[in-house]
Amino acid sequence: MPSEITFTAGFPDQTLTTVLDDFPVTMRAKWNERFGFWSLAIYDRDRNPILTSIKLVQNFPLIGQYSLSQFTGELIFIRMSGTKDRPDFDSLGGDHMLVYLTKEEFNAL
């Protein structure tokens, strides 16, 4: 079952902790006001960066291309409702959700 990563709508800079494939991480989502998109950074428990500046593109695999050793699954920013062509400021934690799929779940799609 995909893991939902729950951010809160209406906050332009958010941090949360979660676990991906038994690996604890901190995620930071930031809204880029100038260009109108959300970006994501992933850090290990000591706040060392694993990946930064990941643009949240809806319905697109976000991290699999990097062949990370810490976790092997995939993050996808999914539109859950509405008809927006592009996510906006209110999307994260609103009509869009960030989910983590294990490698097996992603390959089964």
C-alpha atoms as a PDB file:
ATOM      1  CA  MET A   1       0.000   0.000   0.000  1.00  0.00           C
ATOM      2  CA  PRO A   2       1.482   3.399  -0.961  1.00  0.00           C
ATOM      3  CA  SER A   3       2.485   5.634   1.953  1.00  0.00           C
ATOM      4  CA  GLU A   4       0.864   9.054   2.067  1.00  0.00           C
ATOM      5  CA  ILE A   5       3.210  11.872   2.992  1.00  0.00           C
ATOM      6  CA  THR A   6       0.983  14.448   4.591  1.00  0.00           C
ATOM      7  CA  PHE A   7       1.802  18.112   4.209  1.00  0.00           C
ATOM      8  CA  THR A   8      -0.635  20.877   5.224  1.00  0.00           C
ATOM      9  CA  ALA A   9      -2.241  23.208   2.699  1.00  0.00           C
ATOM     10  CA  GLY A  10      -1.562  26.921   3.013  1.00  0.00           C
ATOM     11  CA  PHE A  11       2.017  26.914   4.342  1.00  0.00           C
ATOM     12  CA  PRO A  12       4.804  27.922   1.910  1.00  0.00           C
ATOM     13  CA  ASP A  13       7.658  26.228   3.807  1.00  0.00           C
ATOM     14  CA  GLN A  14       7.024  22.952   5.620  1.00  0.00           C
ATOM     15  CA  THR A  15       9.145  20.235   7.198  1.00  0.00           C
ATOM     16  CA  LEU A  16       8.113  16.764   8.308  1.00  0.00           C
ATOM     17  CA  THR A  17       9.722  13.465   9.240  1.00  0.00           C
ATOM     18  CA  THR A  18       8.766  10.111   7.766  1.00  0.00           C
ATOM     19  CA  VAL A  19      10.223   6.707   6.939  1.00  0.00           C
ATOM     20  CA  LEU A  20      10.911   5.435   3.411  1.00  0.00           C
ATOM     21  CA  ASP A  21      11.795   1.727   3.144  1.00  0.00           C
ATOM     22  CA  ASP A  22      12.692   1.643   6.871  1.00  0.00           C
ATOM     23  CA  PHE A  23      14.988   4.671   6.393  1.00  0.00           C
ATOM     24  CA  PRO A  24      14.060   7.748   8.486  1.00  0.00           C
ATOM     25  CA  VAL A  25      14.104  11.016   6.545  1.00  0.00           C
ATOM     26  CA  THR A  26      13.177  14.655   6.928  1.00  0.00           C
ATOM     27  CA  MET A  27      11.362  16.268   4.009  1.00  0.00           C
ATOM     28  CA  ARG A  28      11.088  19.958   3.334  1.00  0.00           C
ATOM     29  CA  ALA A  29       8.572  21.341   0.841  1.00  0.00           C
ATOM     30  CA  LYS A  30       8.899  24.951  -0.309  1.00  0.00           C
ATOM     31  CA  TRP A  31       6.684  27.049  -2.560  1.00  0.00           C
ATOM     32  CA  ASN A  32       8.560  29.030  -5.215  1.00  0.00           C
ATOM     33  CA  GLU A  33       6.470  32.183  -5.483  1.00  0.00           C
ATOM     34  CA  ARG A  34       8.350  33.631  -8.442  1.00  0.00           C
ATOM     35  CA  PHE A  35       7.957  30.611 -10.727  1.00  0.00           C
ATOM     36  CA  GLY A  36       4.866  29.050  -9.154  1.00  0.00           C
ATOM     37  CA  PHE A  37       5.891  25.523  -8.176  1.00  0.00           C
ATOM     38  CA  TRP A  38       6.575  23.331  -5.149  1.00  0.00           C
ATOM     39  CA  SER A  39      10.030  21.872  -4.551  1.00  0.00           C
ATOM     40  CA  LEU A  40      11.112  19.113  -2.207  1.00  0.00           C
ATOM     41  CA  ALA A  41      14.322  18.339  -0.337  1.00  0.00           C
ATOM     42  CA  ILE A  42      15.056  15.047   1.438  1.00  0.00           C
ATOM     43  CA  TYR A  43      17.542  14.781   4.322  1.00  0.00           C
ATOM     44  CA  ASP A  44      18.770  11.925   6.500  1.00  0.00           C
ATOM     45  CA  ARG A  45      18.165  11.999  10.256  1.00  0.00           C
ATOM     46  CA  ASP A  46      21.326  14.100  10.777  1.00  0.00           C
ATOM     47  CA  ARG A  47      20.013  16.678   8.248  1.00  0.00           C
ATOM     48  CA  ASN A  48      22.562  15.720   5.597  1.00  0.00           C
ATOM     49  CA  PRO A  49      20.996  16.282   2.167  1.00  0.00           C
ATOM     50  CA  ILE A  50      20.065  13.201   0.146  1.00  0.00           C
ATOM     51  CA  LEU A  51      18.273  15.098  -2.645  1.00  0.00           C
ATOM     52  CA  THR A  52      17.376  18.774  -2.947  1.00  0.00           C
ATOM     53  CA  SER A  53      15.479  21.007  -5.373  1.00  0.00           C
ATOM     54  CA  ILE A  54      13.127  18.296  -6.638  1.00  0.00           C
ATOM     55  CA  LYS A  55      10.328  20.044  -8.540  1.00  0.00           C
ATOM     56  CA  LEU A  56       6.957  18.482  -7.672  1.00  0.00           C
ATOM     57  CA  VAL A  57       5.455  17.638 -11.055  1.00  0.00           C
ATOM     58  CA  GLN A  58       2.055  15.968 -10.857  1.00  0.00           C
ATOM     59  CA  ASN A  59       1.735  12.276 -11.791  1.00  0.00           C
ATOM     60  CA  PHE A  60       5.447  11.902 -12.567  1.00  0.00           C
ATOM     61  CA  PRO A  61       8.127   9.740 -10.879  1.00  0.00           C
ATOM     62  CA  LEU A  62      10.311  12.127  -8.881  1.00  0.00           C
ATOM     63  CA  ILE A  63      13.286  10.224  -7.411  1.00  0.00           C
ATOM     64  CA  GLY A  64      13.785   6.839  -9.113  1.00  0.00           C
ATOM     65  CA  GLN A  65      16.160   8.305 -11.668  1.00  0.00           C
ATOM     66  CA  TYR A  66      18.742   8.998  -8.957  1.00  0.00           C
ATOM     67  CA  SER A  67      19.466   5.342  -7.948  1.00  0.00           C
ATOM     68  CA  LEU A  68      19.593   6.104  -4.238  1.00  0.00           C
ATOM     69  CA  SER A  69      21.085   3.578  -1.829  1.00  0.00           C
ATOM     70  CA  GLN A  70      18.959   4.655   1.156  1.00  0.00           C
ATOM     71  CA  PHE A  71      15.610   3.674  -0.386  1.00  0.00           C
ATOM     72  CA  THR A  72      14.602   2.154  -3.706  1.00  0.00           C
ATOM     73  CA  GLY A  73      10.981   3.218  -4.147  1.00  0.00           C
ATOM     74  CA  GLU A  74       9.409   6.182  -5.900  1.00  0.00           C
ATOM     75  CA  LEU A  75       7.752   9.455  -4.867  1.00  0.00           C
ATOM     76  CA  ILE A  76       4.811  10.636  -6.941  1.00  0.00           C
ATOM     77  CA  PHE A  77       2.851  13.889  -6.555  1.00  0.00           C
ATOM     78  CA  ILE A  78      -0.698  12.794  -7.358  1.00  0.00           C
ATOM     79  CA  ARG A  79      -3.718  14.955  -8.128  1.00  0.00           C
ATOM     80  CA  MET A  80      -6.476  13.552  -5.917  1.00  0.00           C
ATOM     81  CA  SER A  81      -9.297  15.840  -7.043  1.00  0.00           C
ATOM     82  CA  GLY A  82     -10.052  18.755  -9.309  1.00  0.00           C
ATOM     83  CA  THR A  83      -8.957  19.452 -12.859  1.00  0.00           C
ATOM     84  CA  LYS A  84      -5.860  21.625 -12.497  1.00  0.00           C
ATOM     85  CA  ASP A  85      -3.276  21.249 -15.246  1.00  0.00           C
ATOM     86  CA  ARG A  86      -0.556  22.334 -12.818  1.00  0.00           C
ATOM     87  CA  PRO A  87      -0.345  22.258  -9.046  1.00  0.00           C
ATOM     88  CA  ASP A  88      -0.609  25.660  -7.372  1.00  0.00           C
ATOM     89  CA  PHE A  89       0.083  27.031  -3.886  1.00  0.00           C
ATOM     90  CA  ASP A  90      -3.032  25.384  -2.426  1.00  0.00           C
ATOM     91  CA  SER A  91      -2.348  21.997  -4.030  1.00  0.00           C
ATOM     92  CA  LEU A  92       0.144  20.517  -1.552  1.00  0.00           C
ATOM     93  CA  GLY A  93      -1.980  19.098   1.235  1.00  0.00           C
ATOM     94  CA  GLY A  94      -5.100  20.067  -0.692  1.00  0.00           C
ATOM     95  CA  ASP A  95      -6.057  18.536  -4.029  1.00  0.00           C
ATOM     96  CA  HIS A  96      -2.622  16.909  -4.495  1.00  0.00           C
ATOM     97  CA  MET A  97      -0.837  14.354  -2.342  1.00  0.00           C
ATOM     98  CA  LEU A  98       2.743  13.154  -2.207  1.00  0.00           C
ATOM     99  CA  VAL A  99       2.931   9.358  -1.995  1.00  0.00           C
ATOM    100  CA  TYR A 100       5.798   6.900  -1.645  1.00  0.00           C
ATOM    101  CA  LEU A 101       5.594   3.568  -3.416  1.00  0.00           C
ATOM    102  CA  THR A 102       8.011   0.749  -2.760  1.00  0.00           C
ATOM    103  CA  LYS A 103       9.940  -0.547  -5.756  1.00  0.00           C
ATOM    104  CA  GLU A 104       7.520  -3.488  -5.998  1.00  0.00           C
ATOM    105  CA  GLU A 105       4.432  -1.256  -5.836  1.00  0.00           C
ATOM    106  CA  PHE A 106       5.821   1.085  -8.482  1.00  0.00           C
ATOM    107  CA  ASN A 107       6.791  -1.784 -10.814  1.00  0.00           C
ATOM    108  CA  ALA A 108       3.267  -3.217 -10.498  1.00  0.00           C
ATOM    109  CA  LEU A 109       1.728  -0.044 -11.990  1.00  0.00           C
END
